[in-house]
Amino acid sequence: MAWRFVAEDGSLEANVPDGLTVIGRGSLLQITDKHVSRQHAEISVENGKCQIRSTHSNPCFYKPRDADLFTALNHSEWCQLHDGDSIGLAPNQYQFKLMWSESKPEAVAPVEPGTGETAQQPEAAARKNDEAEVTEMKVNSQSAAAAPPVEAEKPKVEVEKLASGNEGLLLSS
């Protein structure tokens, strides 16, 4: 028995390992978009229960199985997940349904982003990459809890006189 992610578009199925797992950009969920952090969220599976915590400044999204819309999760707060609930790692993108399974899912070839075509990656190499990613992303819960929070650099805001004589805001980083 295991939890698994199923991409909303059906392009991917992936087991969610027991313990604490960091999810985001990488081979586990086949996300390559730089808008998704490699450490976008944490999934915790203990005693058959699954929960998610958004760990990045860009939020994760949650939709209960009986709801129509996703809502943004509060940063660093755990959210209990149930069979059939969905999560998203970006607004209207990278959405996965969480499913409780009695067995491991069959391998589903990932779809190349933007093409709709199946990726041409050999199955053995894909398995090796997934195993390496899961091993890399497995986190010791004590070291994760002891890590200091990372603050995002805040943009500098300046007021500038426009040619029209009005004032405007100038954002820079």
Protein backbone atom coordinates (compact mmCIF):
# COMPACT_ATOMS: atom_id res chain seq x y z
CA MET A 1 0.00 0.00 0.00
CA ALA A 2 1.38 3.37 -0.96
CA TRP A 3 0.54 6.95 -1.78
CA ARG A 4 1.22 8.06 -5.32
CA PHE A 5 1.02 11.20 -7.42
CA VAL A 6 -0.91 11.05 -10.69
CA ALA A 7 -0.45 14.04 -12.99
CA GLU A 8 -3.81 15.66 -13.81
CA ASP A 9 -3.01 15.28 -17.53
CA GLY A 10 -2.21 11.57 -17.03
CA SER A 11 1.42 11.96 -18.16
CA LEU A 12 3.05 10.72 -14.95
CA GLU A 13 2.55 8.48 -11.94
CA ALA A 14 5.06 8.45 -9.08
CA ASN A 15 5.14 6.74 -5.69
CA VAL A 16 5.39 8.96 -2.62
CA PRO A 17 7.98 7.39 -0.32
CA ASP A 18 7.36 6.99 3.42
CA GLY A 19 8.96 9.64 5.63
CA LEU A 20 9.77 13.19 4.61
CA THR A 21 10.34 13.90 0.90
CA VAL A 22 11.17 17.22 -0.74
CA ILE A 23 9.29 17.78 -4.02
CA GLY A 24 9.69 20.34 -6.78
CA ARG A 25 11.69 20.67 -9.97
CA GLY A 26 13.46 17.40 -10.76
CA SER A 27 13.02 13.87 -12.02
CA LEU A 28 10.54 12.63 -9.38
CA LEU A 29 7.70 14.77 -10.80
CA GLN A 30 9.38 15.43 -14.20
CA ILE A 31 9.26 19.23 -13.74
CA THR A 32 11.93 21.31 -15.48
CA ASP A 33 10.37 24.78 -15.17
CA LYS A 34 12.70 27.17 -13.31
CA HIS A 35 9.64 28.84 -11.68
CA VAL A 36 9.34 25.71 -9.55
CA SER A 37 12.04 25.39 -6.91
CA ARG A 38 13.87 22.11 -6.40
CA GLN A 39 12.72 22.41 -2.78
CA HIS A 40 9.21 23.73 -3.43
CA ALA A 41 7.40 21.67 -0.79
CA GLU A 42 7.72 18.79 1.63
CA ILE A 43 5.50 15.71 1.66
CA SER A 44 5.33 13.69 4.86
CA VAL A 45 3.98 10.13 4.89
CA GLU A 46 3.72 8.49 8.30
CA ASN A 47 1.44 5.66 9.43
CA GLY A 48 -0.46 5.79 6.12
CA LYS A 49 -1.24 9.52 6.49
CA CYS A 50 0.04 12.08 4.02
CA GLN A 51 0.49 15.84 4.39
CA ILE A 52 2.16 18.68 2.50
CA ARG A 53 3.95 21.86 3.56
CA SER A 54 4.85 24.68 1.17
CA THR A 55 8.50 25.65 1.76
CA HIS A 56 9.14 28.12 -1.07
CA SER A 57 8.15 31.78 -1.47
CA ASN A 58 6.05 30.73 -4.49
CA PRO A 59 3.13 28.88 -2.91
CA CYS A 60 1.79 25.39 -3.43
CA PHE A 61 -1.89 24.90 -4.12
CA TYR A 62 -4.42 22.47 -2.66
CA LYS A 63 -7.81 21.22 -3.86
CA PRO A 64 -9.90 18.74 -1.86
CA ARG A 65 -11.36 15.96 -4.01
CA ASP A 66 -14.89 17.42 -3.80
CA ALA A 67 -13.87 21.04 -4.60
CA ASP A 68 -13.63 22.82 -7.95
CA LEU A 69 -10.84 25.32 -7.20
CA PHE A 70 -7.30 25.22 -5.87
CA THR A 71 -6.37 27.46 -2.93
CA ALA A 72 -2.86 28.63 -2.02
CA LEU A 73 -1.33 26.95 1.01
CA ASN A 74 0.13 29.08 3.79
CA HIS A 75 3.92 28.97 3.85
CA SER A 76 5.35 26.42 6.33
CA GLU A 77 1.93 25.16 7.54
CA TRP A 78 1.15 21.45 7.16
CA CYS A 79 -2.01 20.50 5.24
CA GLN A 80 -3.49 17.00 5.64
CA LEU A 81 -4.06 15.25 2.30
CA HIS A 82 -6.67 12.59 1.54
CA ASP A 83 -7.21 10.10 -1.27
CA GLY A 84 -8.35 12.03 -4.35
CA ASP A 85 -7.11 15.45 -3.20
CA SER A 86 -4.95 17.44 -5.63
CA ILE A 87 -1.89 19.65 -5.23
CA GLY A 88 -0.34 22.15 -7.63
CA LEU A 89 3.19 23.58 -7.66
CA ALA A 90 2.28 26.65 -9.73
CA PRO A 91 -0.98 28.44 -10.58
CA ASN A 92 -2.86 26.23 -13.07
CA GLN A 93 0.26 24.11 -13.72
CA TYR A 94 1.97 21.01 -12.37
CA GLN A 95 -1.16 19.61 -10.77
CA PHE A 96 -1.13 16.14 -9.26
CA LYS A 97 -3.89 14.04 -7.76
CA LEU A 98 -2.88 12.10 -4.66
CA MET A 99 -4.08 8.51 -4.76
CA TRP A 100 -3.95 5.70 -2.22
CA SER A 101 -2.89 2.54 -4.03
CA GLU A 102 -2.78 -1.09 -3.01
CA SER A 103 0.17 -1.64 -5.38
CA LYS A 104 2.91 0.25 -7.23
CA PRO A 105 1.75 2.13 -10.34
CA GLU A 106 2.84 0.96 -13.75
CA ALA A 107 5.47 3.13 -15.38
CA VAL A 108 4.05 5.93 -17.51
CA ALA A 109 6.41 7.65 -19.93
CA PRO A 110 6.74 11.38 -19.16
CA VAL A 111 5.51 13.88 -21.73
CA GLU A 112 7.95 16.49 -23.02
CA PRO A 113 6.73 19.93 -21.82
CA GLY A 114 5.07 21.94 -24.58
CA THR A 115 5.18 19.13 -27.18
CA GLY A 116 2.62 16.60 -25.98
CA GLU A 117 5.04 13.89 -27.18
CA THR A 118 6.42 11.10 -25.05
CA ALA A 119 9.98 11.69 -23.88
CA GLN A 120 12.55 9.46 -25.54
CA GLN A 121 14.39 8.48 -22.35
CA PRO A 122 15.30 4.79 -21.94
CA GLU A 123 13.27 3.13 -19.16
CA ALA A 124 16.33 1.94 -17.21
CA ALA A 125 17.86 5.43 -17.22
CA ALA A 126 14.54 6.93 -16.10
CA ARG A 127 14.35 4.44 -13.19
CA LYS A 128 17.95 5.22 -12.21
CA ASN A 129 17.25 8.99 -12.32
CA ASP A 130 14.07 8.57 -10.23
CA GLU A 131 15.92 6.47 -7.63
CA ALA A 132 18.74 9.03 -7.43
CA GLU A 133 16.24 11.90 -7.10
CA VAL A 134 14.30 10.14 -4.32
CA THR A 135 17.55 9.34 -2.51
CA GLU A 136 18.74 12.95 -2.91
CA MET A 137 15.39 14.38 -1.80
CA LYS A 138 14.87 12.13 1.23
CA VAL A 139 15.34 14.42 4.20
CA ASN A 140 16.16 13.63 7.78
CA SER A 141 13.30 15.33 9.62
CA GLN A 142 15.57 16.46 12.47
CA SER A 143 18.04 18.24 10.17
CA ALA A 144 15.18 19.81 8.20
CA ALA A 145 13.63 21.17 11.38
CA ALA A 146 16.98 22.59 12.54
CA ALA A 147 17.71 24.40 9.27
CA PRO A 148 17.36 28.18 9.53
CA PRO A 149 14.65 29.77 7.38
CA VAL A 150 15.79 31.30 4.11
CA GLU A 151 14.52 34.80 3.47
CA ALA A 152 13.92 35.93 -0.08
CA GLU A 153 15.67 39.11 -1.16
CA LYS A 154 13.13 41.93 -1.17
CA PRO A 155 13.01 44.21 -4.21
CA LYS A 156 14.10 47.81 -3.78
CA VAL A 157 11.26 50.30 -4.34
CA GLU A 158 12.01 53.84 -5.49
CA VAL A 159 9.73 56.75 -6.39
CA GLU A 160 10.63 58.34 -9.71
CA LYS A 161 9.29 61.48 -11.41
CA LEU A 162 7.81 60.55 -14.78
CA ALA A 163 8.01 62.79 -17.87
CA SER A 164 4.32 63.60 -17.34
CA GLY A 165 5.16 65.15 -13.96
CA ASN A 166 3.44 62.28 -12.06
CA GLU A 167 5.30 60.02 -9.69
CA GLY A 168 5.71 56.31 -10.42
CA LEU A 169 7.15 53.32 -8.55
CA LEU A 170 10.32 51.71 -9.82
CA LEU A 171 11.00 48.13 -8.64
CA SER A 172 14.49 46.71 -8.86
CA SER A 173 16.26 43.75 -7.30
